[in-house]
């Protein structure tokens, strides 16, 4: 899990934009993830 803050810090220092590691919007698109999760999470629960 510590890889995530390490990448975000590296992106901030090198490029000056920590959000570019999330998406081309410069932020994490929670609405997109939430809508897809309503289908993907139950499918994986059933499969695994």
ModelCIF file with pLDDT and N, C-alpha, C, O atoms, coordinates in Angstrom:
data_MODEL
#
_entry.id   MODEL 
#
_entity.id                         1 
_entity.type                       polymer 
_entity.pdbx_number_of_molecules   1 
#
_entity_poly.entity_id                      1 
_entity_poly.type                           'polypeptide(L)' 
_entity_poly.nstd_linkage                   no 
_entity_poly.nstd_monomer                   no 
_entity_poly.pdbx_seq_one_letter_code       
;(UNK)(UNK)(UNK)(UNK)(UNK)(UNK)(UNK)(UNK)(UNK)(UNK)(UNK)(UNK)(UNK)(UNK)(UNK)(UNK)
(UNK)(UNK)(UNK)(UNK)(UNK)(UNK)(UNK)(UNK)(UNK)(UNK)(UNK)(UNK)(UNK)(UNK)(UNK)(UNK)
(UNK)(UNK)(UNK)(UNK)(UNK)(UNK)(UNK)(UNK)(UNK)(UNK)(UNK)(UNK)(UNK)(UNK)(UNK)(UNK)
;
_entity_poly.pdbx_seq_one_letter_code_can   XXXXXXXXXXXXXXXXXXXXXXXXXXXXXXXXXXXXXXXXXXXXXXXX 
_entity_poly.pdbx_strand_id                 A 
#
loop_
_entity_poly_seq.entity_id 
_entity_poly_seq.num 
_entity_poly_seq.mon_id 
_entity_poly_seq.hetero 
1 1  UNK n 
1 2  UNK n 
1 3  UNK n 
1 4  UNK n 
1 5  UNK n 
1 6  UNK n 
1 7  UNK n 
1 8  UNK n 
1 9  UNK n 
1 10 UNK n 
1 11 UNK n 
1 12 UNK n 
1 13 UNK n 
1 14 UNK n 
1 15 UNK n 
1 16 UNK n 
1 17 UNK n 
1 18 UNK n 
1 19 UNK n 
1 20 UNK n 
1 21 UNK n 
1 22 UNK n 
1 23 UNK n 
1 24 UNK n 
1 25 UNK n 
1 26 UNK n 
1 27 UNK n 
1 28 UNK n 
1 29 UNK n 
1 30 UNK n 
1 31 UNK n 
1 32 UNK n 
1 33 UNK n 
1 34 UNK n 
1 35 UNK n 
1 36 UNK n 
1 37 UNK n 
1 38 UNK n 
1 39 UNK n 
1 40 UNK n 
1 41 UNK n 
1 42 UNK n 
1 43 UNK n 
1 44 UNK n 
1 45 UNK n 
1 46 UNK n 
1 47 UNK n 
1 48 UNK n 
#
_struct_asym.id          A 
_struct_asym.entity_id   1 
#
loop_
_ma_qa_metric.id 
_ma_qa_metric.mode 
_ma_qa_metric.name 
_ma_qa_metric.software_group_id 
_ma_qa_metric.type 
1 global pLDDT . pLDDT 
2 local  pLDDT . pLDDT 
#
_ma_qa_metric_global.metric_id      1 
_ma_qa_metric_global.metric_value   95.21 
_ma_qa_metric_global.model_id       1 
_ma_qa_metric_global.ordinal_id     1 
#
loop_
_ma_qa_metric_local.label_asym_id 
_ma_qa_metric_local.label_comp_id 
_ma_qa_metric_local.label_seq_id 
_ma_qa_metric_local.metric_id 
_ma_qa_metric_local.metric_value 
_ma_qa_metric_local.model_id 
_ma_qa_metric_local.ordinal_id 
A UNK 1  2 97.00 1 1  
A UNK 2  2 98.00 1 2  
A UNK 3  2 98.00 1 3  
A UNK 4  2 98.00 1 4  
A UNK 5  2 98.00 1 5  
A UNK 6  2 98.00 1 6  
A UNK 7  2 98.00 1 7  
A UNK 8  2 97.00 1 8  
A UNK 9  2 97.00 1 9  
A UNK 10 2 97.00 1 10 
A UNK 11 2 96.00 1 11 
A UNK 12 2 95.00 1 12 
A UNK 13 2 95.00 1 13 
A UNK 14 2 94.00 1 14 
A UNK 15 2 92.00 1 15 
A UNK 16 2 90.00 1 16 
A UNK 17 2 89.00 1 17 
A UNK 18 2 91.00 1 18 
A UNK 19 2 93.00 1 19 
A UNK 20 2 94.00 1 20 
A UNK 21 2 96.00 1 21 
A UNK 22 2 97.00 1 22 
A UNK 23 2 97.00 1 23 
A UNK 24 2 96.00 1 24 
A UNK 25 2 95.00 1 25 
A UNK 26 2 94.00 1 26 
A UNK 27 2 95.00 1 27 
A UNK 28 2 97.00 1 28 
A UNK 29 2 97.00 1 29 
A UNK 30 2 97.00 1 30 
A UNK 31 2 96.00 1 31 
A UNK 32 2 97.00 1 32 
A UNK 33 2 97.00 1 33 
A UNK 34 2 96.00 1 34 
A UNK 35 2 97.00 1 35 
A UNK 36 2 97.00 1 36 
A UNK 37 2 97.00 1 37 
A UNK 38 2 96.00 1 38 
A UNK 39 2 96.00 1 39 
A UNK 40 2 97.00 1 40 
A UNK 41 2 95.00 1 41 
A UNK 42 2 95.00 1 42 
A UNK 43 2 95.00 1 43 
A UNK 44 2 94.00 1 44 
A UNK 45 2 92.00 1 45 
A UNK 46 2 91.00 1 46 
A UNK 47 2 89.00 1 47 
A UNK 48 2 87.00 1 48 
#
loop_
_atom_site.group_PDB 
_atom_site.id 
_atom_site.type_symbol 
_atom_site.label_atom_id 
_atom_site.label_alt_id 
_atom_site.label_comp_id 
_atom_site.label_asym_id 
_atom_site.label_entity_id 
_atom_site.label_seq_id 
_atom_site.pdbx_PDB_ins_code 
_atom_site.Cartn_x 
_atom_site.Cartn_y 
_atom_site.Cartn_z 
_atom_site.occupancy 
_atom_site.B_iso_or_equiv 
_atom_site.pdbx_formal_charge 
_atom_site.auth_seq_id 
_atom_site.auth_comp_id 
_atom_site.auth_asym_id 
_atom_site.auth_atom_id 
_atom_site.pdbx_PDB_model_num 
ATOM 1   N N  . UNK A 1 1  ? 0.818   -1.218  0.000   1.00 97.00 ? 1  UNK A N  1 
ATOM 2   C CA . UNK A 1 1  ? 0.000   0.000   0.000   1.00 97.00 ? 1  UNK A CA 1 
ATOM 3   C C  . UNK A 1 1  ? 0.847   1.260   0.000   1.00 97.00 ? 1  UNK A C  1 
ATOM 4   O O  . UNK A 1 1  ? 0.411   2.293   -0.509  1.00 97.00 ? 1  UNK A O  1 
ATOM 5   N N  . UNK A 1 2  ? 2.048   1.198   0.559   1.00 98.00 ? 2  UNK A N  1 
ATOM 6   C CA . UNK A 1 2  ? 2.918   2.375   0.605   1.00 98.00 ? 2  UNK A CA 1 
ATOM 7   C C  . UNK A 1 2  ? 3.400   2.809   -0.770  1.00 98.00 ? 2  UNK A C  1 
ATOM 8   O O  . UNK A 1 2  ? 3.936   3.907   -0.918  1.00 98.00 ? 2  UNK A O  1 
ATOM 9   N N  . UNK A 1 3  ? 3.216   1.963   -1.778  1.00 98.00 ? 3  UNK A N  1 
ATOM 10  C CA . UNK A 1 3  ? 3.572   2.374   -3.142  1.00 98.00 ? 3  UNK A CA 1 
ATOM 11  C C  . UNK A 1 3  ? 2.737   3.564   -3.601  1.00 98.00 ? 3  UNK A C  1 
ATOM 12  O O  . UNK A 1 3  ? 3.218   4.400   -4.365  1.00 98.00 ? 3  UNK A O  1 
ATOM 13  N N  . UNK A 1 4  ? 1.491   3.647   -3.141  1.00 98.00 ? 4  UNK A N  1 
ATOM 14  C CA . UNK A 1 4  ? 0.626   4.734   -3.596  1.00 98.00 ? 4  UNK A CA 1 
ATOM 15  C C  . UNK A 1 4  ? 1.131   6.103   -3.156  1.00 98.00 ? 4  UNK A C  1 
ATOM 16  O O  . UNK A 1 4  ? 1.310   6.965   -4.016  1.00 98.00 ? 4  UNK A O  1 
ATOM 17  N N  . UNK A 1 5  ? 1.375   6.359   -1.856  1.00 98.00 ? 5  UNK A N  1 
ATOM 18  C CA . UNK A 1 5  ? 1.902   7.683   -1.495  1.00 98.00 ? 5  UNK A CA 1 
ATOM 19  C C  . UNK A 1 5  ? 3.274   7.955   -2.094  1.00 98.00 ? 5  UNK A C  1 
ATOM 20  O O  . UNK A 1 5  ? 3.614   9.109   -2.354  1.00 98.00 ? 5  UNK A O  1 
ATOM 21  N N  . UNK A 1 6  ? 4.074   6.901   -2.320  1.00 98.00 ? 6  UNK A N  1 
ATOM 22  C CA . UNK A 1 6  ? 5.391   7.109   -2.929  1.00 98.00 ? 6  UNK A CA 1 
ATOM 23  C C  . UNK A 1 6  ? 5.250   7.608   -4.367  1.00 98.00 ? 6  UNK A C  1 
ATOM 24  O O  . UNK A 1 6  ? 5.988   8.499   -4.789  1.00 98.00 ? 6  UNK A O  1 
ATOM 25  N N  . UNK A 1 7  ? 4.311   7.041   -5.118  1.00 98.00 ? 7  UNK A N  1 
ATOM 26  C CA . UNK A 1 7  ? 4.087   7.490   -6.498  1.00 98.00 ? 7  UNK A CA 1 
ATOM 27  C C  . UNK A 1 7  ? 3.521   8.905   -6.520  1.00 98.00 ? 7  UNK A C  1 
ATOM 28  O O  . UNK A 1 7  ? 3.944   9.728   -7.331  1.00 98.00 ? 7  UNK A O  1 
ATOM 29  N N  . UNK A 1 8  ? 2.573   9.192   -5.642  1.00 97.00 ? 8  UNK A N  1 
ATOM 30  C CA . UNK A 1 8  ? 1.985   10.531  -5.611  1.00 97.00 ? 8  UNK A CA 1 
ATOM 31  C C  . UNK A 1 8  ? 3.032   11.586  -5.245  1.00 97.00 ? 8  UNK A C  1 
ATOM 32  O O  . UNK A 1 8  ? 3.043   12.678  -5.814  1.00 97.00 ? 8  UNK A O  1 
ATOM 33  N N  . UNK A 1 9  ? 3.897   11.260  -4.306  1.00 97.00 ? 9  UNK A N  1 
ATOM 34  C CA . UNK A 1 9  ? 4.965   12.191  -3.952  1.00 97.00 ? 9  UNK A CA 1 
ATOM 35  C C  . UNK A 1 9  ? 5.921   12.381  -5.127  1.00 97.00 ? 9  UNK A C  1 
ATOM 36  O O  . UNK A 1 9  ? 6.333   13.505  -5.413  1.00 97.00 ? 9  UNK A O  1 
ATOM 37  N N  . UNK A 1 10 ? 6.275   11.297  -5.804  1.00 97.00 ? 10 UNK A N  1 
ATOM 38  C CA . UNK A 1 10 ? 7.184   11.390  -6.945  1.00 97.00 ? 10 UNK A CA 1 
ATOM 39  C C  . UNK A 1 10 ? 6.583   12.240  -8.057  1.00 97.00 ? 10 UNK A C  1 
ATOM 40  O O  . UNK A 1 10 ? 7.286   13.034  -8.682  1.00 97.00 ? 10 UNK A O  1 
ATOM 41  N N  . UNK A 1 11 ? 5.294   12.077  -8.304  1.00 96.00 ? 11 UNK A N  1 
ATOM 42  C CA . UNK A 1 11 ? 4.626   12.869  -9.345  1.00 96.00 ? 11 UNK A CA 1 
ATOM 43  C C  . UNK A 1 11 ? 4.592   14.342  -8.968  1.00 96.00 ? 11 UNK A C  1 
ATOM 44  O O  . UNK A 1 11 ? 4.777   15.211  -9.821  1.00 96.00 ? 11 UNK A O  1 
ATOM 45  N N  . UNK A 1 12 ? 4.357   14.622  -7.698  1.00 95.00 ? 12 UNK A N  1 
ATOM 46  C CA . UNK A 1 12 ? 4.315   16.015  -7.244  1.00 95.00 ? 12 UNK A CA 1 
ATOM 47  C C  . UNK A 1 12 ? 5.681   16.674  -7.382  1.00 95.00 ? 12 UNK A C  1 
ATOM 48  O O  . UNK A 1 12 ? 5.767   17.815  -7.837  1.00 95.00 ? 12 UNK A O  1 
ATOM 49  N N  . UNK A 1 13 ? 6.734   15.991  -7.005  1.00 95.00 ? 13 UNK A N  1 
ATOM 50  C CA . UNK A 1 13 ? 8.072   16.572  -7.058  1.00 95.00 ? 13 UNK A CA 1 
ATOM 51  C C  . UNK A 1 13 ? 8.536   16.736  -8.500  1.00 95.00 ? 13 UNK A C  1 
ATOM 52  O O  . UNK A 1 13 ? 9.083   17.780  -8.856  1.00 95.00 ? 13 UNK A O  1 
ATOM 53  N N  . UNK A 1 14 ? 8.325   15.718  -9.336  1.00 94.00 ? 14 UNK A N  1 
ATOM 54  C CA . UNK A 1 14 ? 8.863   15.733  -10.693 1.00 94.00 ? 14 UNK A CA 1 
ATOM 55  C C  . UNK A 1 14 ? 8.055   16.612  -11.638 1.00 94.00 ? 14 UNK A C  1 
ATOM 56  O O  . UNK A 1 14 ? 8.624   17.334  -12.457 1.00 94.00 ? 14 UNK A O  1 
ATOM 57  N N  . UNK A 1 15 ? 6.729   16.552  -11.527 1.00 92.00 ? 15 UNK A N  1 
ATOM 58  C CA . UNK A 1 15 ? 5.874   17.246  -12.493 1.00 92.00 ? 15 UNK A CA 1 
ATOM 59  C C  . UNK A 1 15 ? 5.099   18.409  -11.899 1.00 92.00 ? 15 UNK A C  1 
ATOM 60  O O  . UNK A 1 15 ? 4.546   19.226  -12.636 1.00 92.00 ? 15 UNK A O  1 
ATOM 61  N N  . UNK A 1 16 ? 5.052   18.493  -10.591 1.00 90.00 ? 16 UNK A N  1 
ATOM 62  C CA . UNK A 1 16 ? 4.316   19.589  -9.974  1.00 90.00 ? 16 UNK A CA 1 
ATOM 63  C C  . UNK A 1 16 ? 2.820   19.386  -9.946  1.00 90.00 ? 16 UNK A C  1 
ATOM 64  O O  . UNK A 1 16 ? 2.091   20.286  -9.530  1.00 90.00 ? 16 UNK A O  1 
ATOM 65  N N  . UNK A 1 17 ? 2.334   18.228  -10.377 1.00 89.00 ? 17 UNK A N  1 
ATOM 66  C CA . UNK A 1 17 ? 0.897   17.946  -10.423 1.00 89.00 ? 17 UNK A CA 1 
ATOM 67  C C  . UNK A 1 17 ? 0.630   16.561  -9.858  1.00 89.00 ? 17 UNK A C  1 
ATOM 68  O O  . UNK A 1 17 ? 0.743   15.568  -10.577 1.00 89.00 ? 17 UNK A O  1 
ATOM 69  N N  . UNK A 1 18 ? 0.283   16.481  -8.597  1.00 91.00 ? 18 UNK A N  1 
ATOM 70  C CA . UNK A 1 18 ? 0.046   15.181  -7.981  1.00 91.00 ? 18 UNK A CA 1 
ATOM 71  C C  . UNK A 1 18 ? -1.168  14.509  -8.596  1.00 91.00 ? 18 UNK A C  1 
ATOM 72  O O  . UNK A 1 18 ? -1.222  13.281  -8.656  1.00 91.00 ? 18 UNK A O  1 
ATOM 73  N N  . UNK A 1 19 ? -2.149  15.285  -9.056  1.00 93.00 ? 19 UNK A N  1 
ATOM 74  C CA . UNK A 1 19 ? -3.382  14.709  -9.589  1.00 93.00 ? 19 UNK A CA 1 
ATOM 75  C C  . UNK A 1 19 ? -3.236  14.010  -10.911 1.00 93.00 ? 19 UNK A C  1 
ATOM 76  O O  . UNK A 1 19 ? -4.110  13.227  -11.282 1.00 93.00 ? 19 UNK A O  1 
ATOM 77  N N  . UNK A 1 20 ? -2.149  14.260  -11.652 1.00 94.00 ? 20 UNK A N  1 
ATOM 78  C CA . UNK A 1 20 ? -2.005  13.632  -12.960 1.00 94.00 ? 20 UNK A CA 1 
ATOM 79  C C  . UNK A 1 20 ? -1.830  12.123  -12.848 1.00 94.00 ? 20 UNK A C  1 
ATOM 80  O O  . UNK A 1 20 ? -2.074  11.410  -13.822 1.00 94.00 ? 20 UNK A O  1 
ATOM 81  N N  . UNK A 1 21 ? -1.418  11.618  -11.697 1.00 96.00 ? 21 UNK A N  1 
ATOM 82  C CA . UNK A 1 21 ? -1.312  10.172  -11.502 1.00 96.00 ? 21 UNK A CA 1 
ATOM 83  C C  . UNK A 1 21 ? -2.675  9.522   -11.329 1.00 96.00 ? 21 UNK A C  1 
ATOM 84  O O  . UNK A 1 21 ? -2.801  8.306   -11.472 1.00 96.00 ? 21 UNK A O  1 
ATOM 85  N N  . UNK A 1 22 ? -3.703  10.317  -11.022 1.00 97.00 ? 22 UNK A N  1 
ATOM 86  C CA . UNK A 1 22 ? -5.053  9.785   -10.863 1.00 97.00 ? 22 UNK A CA 1 
ATOM 87  C C  . UNK A 1 22 ? -5.776  9.663   -12.196 1.00 97.00 ? 22 UNK A C  1 
ATOM 88  O O  . UNK A 1 22 ? -6.276  8.594   -12.545 1.00 97.00 ? 22 UNK A O  1 
ATOM 89  N N  . UNK A 1 23 ? -5.827  10.761  -12.935 1.00 97.00 ? 23 UNK A N  1 
ATOM 90  C CA . UNK A 1 23 ? -6.543  10.752  -14.206 1.00 97.00 ? 23 UNK A CA 1 
ATOM 91  C C  . UNK A 1 23 ? -6.196  12.011  -14.988 1.00 97.00 ? 23 UNK A C  1 
ATOM 92  O O  . UNK A 1 23 ? -5.513  12.904  -14.488 1.00 97.00 ? 23 UNK A O  1 
ATOM 93  N N  . UNK A 1 24 ? -6.680  12.064  -16.221 1.00 96.00 ? 24 UNK A N  1 
ATOM 94  C CA . UNK A 1 24 ? -6.458  13.246  -17.056 1.00 96.00 ? 24 UNK A CA 1 
ATOM 95  C C  . UNK A 1 24 ? -7.302  14.426  -16.594 1.00 96.00 ? 24 UNK A C  1 
ATOM 96  O O  . UNK A 1 24 ? -7.151  15.527  -17.124 1.00 96.00 ? 24 UNK A O  1 
ATOM 97  N N  . UNK A 1 25 ? -8.182  14.225  -15.624 1.00 95.00 ? 25 UNK A N  1 
ATOM 98  C CA . UNK A 1 25 ? -8.931  15.328  -15.016 1.00 95.00 ? 25 UNK A CA 1 
ATOM 99  C C  . UNK A 1 25 ? -8.163  15.959  -13.855 1.00 95.00 ? 25 UNK A C  1 
ATOM 100 O O  . UNK A 1 25 ? -8.593  16.973  -13.305 1.00 95.00 ? 25 UNK A O  1 
ATOM 101 N N  . UNK A 1 26 ? -7.035  15.367  -13.483 1.00 94.00 ? 26 UNK A N  1 
ATOM 102 C CA . UNK A 1 26 ? -6.274  15.887  -12.361 1.00 94.00 ? 26 UNK A CA 1 
ATOM 103 C C  . UNK A 1 26 ? -6.866  15.526  -11.020 1.00 94.00 ? 26 UNK A C  1 
ATOM 104 O O  . UNK A 1 26 ? -6.505  16.131  -10.010 1.00 94.00 ? 26 UNK A O  1 
ATOM 105 N N  . UNK A 1 27 ? -7.764  14.559  -10.977 1.00 95.00 ? 27 UNK A N  1 
ATOM 106 C CA . UNK A 1 27 ? -8.408  14.143  -9.731  1.00 95.00 ? 27 UNK A CA 1 
ATOM 107 C C  . UNK A 1 27 ? -8.858  12.699  -9.870  1.00 95.00 ? 27 UNK A C  1 
ATOM 108 O O  . UNK A 1 27 ? -8.836  12.132  -10.962 1.00 95.00 ? 27 UNK A O  1 
ATOM 109 N N  . UNK A 1 28 ? -9.264  12.113  -8.758  1.00 97.00 ? 28 UNK A N  1 
ATOM 110 C CA . UNK A 1 28 ? -9.797  10.752  -8.775  1.00 97.00 ? 28 UNK A CA 1 
ATOM 111 C C  . UNK A 1 28 ? -11.296 10.834  -9.025  1.00 97.00 ? 28 UNK A C  1 
ATOM 112 O O  . UNK A 1 28 ? -12.003 11.526  -8.292  1.00 97.00 ? 28 UNK A O  1 
ATOM 113 N N  . UNK A 1 29 ? -11.789 10.146  -10.039 1.00 97.00 ? 29 UNK A N  1 
ATOM 114 C CA . UNK A 1 29 ? -13.202 10.236  -10.438 1.00 97.00 ? 29 UNK A CA 1 
ATOM 115 C C  . UNK A 1 29 ? -14.026 9.194   -9.665  1.00 97.00 ? 29 UNK A C  1 
ATOM 116 O O  . UNK A 1 29 ? -14.270 8.089   -10.150 1.00 97.00 ? 29 UNK A O  1 
ATOM 117 N N  . UNK A 1 30 ? -14.440 9.571   -8.472  1.00 97.00 ? 30 UNK A N  1 
ATOM 118 C CA . UNK A 1 30 ? -15.159 8.652   -7.600  1.00 97.00 ? 30 UNK A CA 1 
ATOM 119 C C  . UNK A 1 30 ? -16.506 8.244   -8.184  1.00 97.00 ? 30 UNK A C  1 
ATOM 120 O O  . UNK A 1 30 ? -16.934 7.106   -7.994  1.00 97.00 ? 30 UNK A O  1 
ATOM 121 N N  . UNK A 1 31 ? -17.179 9.143   -8.887  1.00 96.00 ? 31 UNK A N  1 
ATOM 122 C CA . UNK A 1 31 ? -18.483 8.808   -9.465  1.00 96.00 ? 31 UNK A CA 1 
ATOM 123 C C  . UNK A 1 31 ? -18.355 7.698   -10.498 1.00 96.00 ? 31 UNK A C  1 
ATOM 124 O O  . UNK A 1 31 ? -19.200 6.805   -10.559 1.00 96.00 ? 31 UNK A O  1 
ATOM 125 N N  . UNK A 1 32 ? -17.313 7.748   -11.302 1.00 97.00 ? 32 UNK A N  1 
ATOM 126 C CA . UNK A 1 32 ? -17.074 6.705   -12.297 1.00 97.00 ? 32 UNK A CA 1 
ATOM 127 C C  . UNK A 1 32 ? -16.836 5.362   -11.610 1.00 97.00 ? 32 UNK A C  1 
ATOM 128 O O  . UNK A 1 32 ? -17.412 4.348   -12.005 1.00 97.00 ? 32 UNK A O  1 
ATOM 129 N N  . UNK A 1 33 ? -15.995 5.357   -10.593 1.00 97.00 ? 33 UNK A N  1 
ATOM 130 C CA . UNK A 1 33 ? -15.712 4.117   -9.870  1.00 97.00 ? 33 UNK A CA 1 
ATOM 131 C C  . UNK A 1 33 ? -16.974 3.577   -9.208  1.00 97.00 ? 33 UNK A C  1 
ATOM 132 O O  . UNK A 1 33 ? -17.239 2.377   -9.262  1.00 97.00 ? 33 UNK A O  1 
ATOM 133 N N  . UNK A 1 34 ? -17.752 4.456   -8.584  1.00 96.00 ? 34 UNK A N  1 
ATOM 134 C CA . UNK A 1 34 ? -18.946 4.012   -7.866  1.00 96.00 ? 34 UNK A CA 1 
ATOM 135 C C  . UNK A 1 34 ? -19.980 3.386   -8.776  1.00 96.00 ? 34 UNK A C  1 
ATOM 136 O O  . UNK A 1 34 ? -20.608 2.390   -8.416  1.00 96.00 ? 34 UNK A O  1 
ATOM 137 N N  . UNK A 1 35 ? -20.162 3.963   -9.952  1.00 97.00 ? 35 UNK A N  1 
ATOM 138 C CA . UNK A 1 35 ? -21.175 3.414   -10.858 1.00 97.00 ? 35 UNK A CA 1 
ATOM 139 C C  . UNK A 1 35 ? -20.765 2.032   -11.364 1.00 97.00 ? 35 UNK A C  1 
ATOM 140 O O  . UNK A 1 35 ? -21.593 1.125   -11.438 1.00 97.00 ? 35 UNK A O  1 
ATOM 141 N N  . UNK A 1 36 ? -19.491 1.874   -11.712 1.00 97.00 ? 36 UNK A N  1 
ATOM 142 C CA . UNK A 1 36 ? -19.030 0.572   -12.199 1.00 97.00 ? 36 UNK A CA 1 
ATOM 143 C C  . UNK A 1 36 ? -18.990 -0.459  -11.072 1.00 97.00 ? 36 UNK A C  1 
ATOM 144 O O  . UNK A 1 36 ? -19.192 -1.648  -11.316 1.00 97.00 ? 36 UNK A O  1 
ATOM 145 N N  . UNK A 1 37 ? -18.731 -0.014  -9.838  1.00 97.00 ? 37 UNK A N  1 
ATOM 146 C CA . UNK A 1 37 ? -18.618 -0.945  -8.707  1.00 97.00 ? 37 UNK A CA 1 
ATOM 147 C C  . UNK A 1 37 ? -19.934 -1.656  -8.419  1.00 97.00 ? 37 UNK A C  1 
ATOM 148 O O  . UNK A 1 37 ? -19.922 -2.769  -7.894  1.00 97.00 ? 37 UNK A O  1 
ATOM 149 N N  . UNK A 1 38 ? -21.053 -1.050  -8.746  1.00 96.00 ? 38 UNK A N  1 
ATOM 150 C CA . UNK A 1 38 ? -22.350 -1.675  -8.479  1.00 96.00 ? 38 UNK A CA 1 
ATOM 151 C C  . UNK A 1 38 ? -22.513 -2.983  -9.247  1.00 96.00 ? 38 UNK A C  1 
ATOM 152 O O  . UNK A 1 38 ? -23.310 -3.836  -8.857  1.00 96.00 ? 38 UNK A O  1 
ATOM 153 N N  . UNK A 1 39 ? -21.769 -3.144  -10.326 1.00 96.00 ? 39 UNK A N  1 
ATOM 154 C CA . UNK A 1 39 ? -21.819 -4.384  -11.108 1.00 96.00 ? 39 UNK A CA 1 
ATOM 155 C C  . UNK A 1 39 ? -20.599 -5.261  -10.836 1.00 96.00 ? 39 UNK A C  1 
ATOM 156 O O  . UNK A 1 39 ? -20.730 -6.475  -10.680 1.00 96.00 ? 39 UNK A O  1 
ATOM 157 N N  . UNK A 1 40 ? -19.419 -4.654  -10.780 1.00 97.00 ? 40 UNK A N  1 
ATOM 158 C CA . UNK A 1 40 ? -18.175 -5.423  -10.707 1.00 97.00 ? 40 UNK A CA 1 
ATOM 159 C C  . UNK A 1 40 ? -18.007 -6.122  -9.360  1.00 97.00 ? 40 UNK A C  1 
ATOM 160 O O  . UNK A 1 40 ? -17.624 -7.292  -9.326  1.00 97.00 ? 40 UNK A O  1 
ATOM 161 N N  . UNK A 1 41 ? -18.282 -5.440  -8.258  1.00 95.00 ? 41 UNK A N  1 
ATOM 162 C CA . UNK A 1 41 ? -18.066 -6.043  -6.932  1.00 95.00 ? 41 UNK A CA 1 
ATOM 163 C C  . UNK A 1 41 ? -18.955 -7.261  -6.712  1.00 95.00 ? 41 UNK A C  1 
ATOM 164 O O  . UNK A 1 41 ? -18.442 -8.288  -6.266  1.00 95.00 ? 41 UNK A O  1 
ATOM 165 N N  . UNK A 1 42 ? -20.261 -7.213  -6.996  1.00 95.00 ? 42 UNK A N  1 
ATOM 166 C CA . UNK A 1 42 ? -21.068 -8.442  -6.837  1.00 95.00 ? 42 UNK A CA 1 
ATOM 167 C C  . UNK A 1 42 ? -20.605 -9.577  -7.743  1.00 95.00 ? 42 UNK A C  1 
ATOM 168 O O  . UNK A 1 42 ? -20.655 -10.741 -7.345  1.00 95.00 ? 42 UNK A O  1 
ATOM 169 N N  . UNK A 1 43 ? -20.154 -9.258  -8.958  1.00 95.00 ? 43 UNK A N  1 
ATOM 170 C CA . UNK A 1 43 ? -19.677 -10.310 -9.854  1.00 95.00 ? 43 UNK A CA 1 
ATOM 171 C C  . UNK A 1 43 ? -18.437 -10.997 -9.291  1.00 95.00 ? 43 UNK A C  1 
ATOM 172 O O  . UNK A 1 43 ? -18.339 -12.224 -9.317  1.00 95.00 ? 43 UNK A O  1 
ATOM 173 N N  . UNK A 1 44 ? -17.503 -10.220 -8.789  1.00 94.00 ? 44 UNK A N  1 
ATOM 174 C CA . UNK A 1 44 ? -16.292 -10.819 -8.223  1.00 94.00 ? 44 UNK A CA 1 
ATOM 175 C C  . UNK A 1 44 ? -16.601 -11.590 -6.945  1.00 94.00 ? 44 UNK A C  1 
ATOM 176 O O  . UNK A 1 44 ? -15.991 -12.629 -6.689  1.00 94.00 ? 44 UNK A O  1 
ATOM 177 N N  . UNK A 1 45 ? -17.533 -11.100 -6.147  1.00 92.00 ? 45 UNK A N  1 
ATOM 178 C CA . UNK A 1 45 ? -17.923 -11.829 -4.940  1.00 92.00 ? 45 UNK A CA 1 
ATOM 179 C C  . UNK A 1 45 ? -18.483 -13.198 -5.303  1.00 92.00 ? 45 UNK A C  1 
ATOM 180 O O  . UNK A 1 45 ? -18.148 -14.205 -4.679  1.00 92.00 ? 45 UNK A O  1 
ATOM 181 N N  . UNK A 1 46 ? -19.335 -13.220 -6.317  1.00 91.00 ? 46 UNK A N  1 
ATOM 182 C CA . UNK A 1 46 ? -19.925 -14.479 -6.761  1.00 91.00 ? 46 UNK A CA 1 
ATOM 183 C C  . UNK A 1 46 ? -18.867 -15.410 -7.344  1.00 91.00 ? 46 UNK A C  1 
ATOM 184 O O  . UNK A 1 46 ? -18.868 -16.610 -7.067  1.00 91.00 ? 46 UNK A O  1 
ATOM 185 N N  . UNK A 1 47 ? -17.970 -14.858 -8.150  1.00 89.00 ? 47 UNK A N  1 
ATOM 186 C CA . UNK A 1 47 ? -16.950 -15.677 -8.802  1.00 89.00 ? 47 UNK A CA 1 
ATOM 187 C C  . UNK A 1 47 ? -15.953 -16.264 -7.806  1.00 89.00 ? 47 UNK A C  1 
ATOM 188 O O  . UNK A 1 47 ? -15.663 -17.460 -7.843  1.00 89.00 ? 47 UNK A O  1 
ATOM 189 N N  . UNK A 1 48 ? -15.431 -15.427 -6.922  1.00 87.00 ? 48 UNK A N  1 
ATOM 190 C CA . UNK A 1 48 ? -14.390 -15.910 -6.011  1.00 87.00 ? 48 UNK A CA 1 
ATOM 191 C C  . UNK A 1 48 ? -14.934 -16.839 -4.937  1.00 87.00 ? 48 UNK A C  1 
ATOM 192 O O  . UNK A 1 48 ? -14.174 -17.324 -4.099  1.00 87.00 ? 48 UNK A O  1 
#
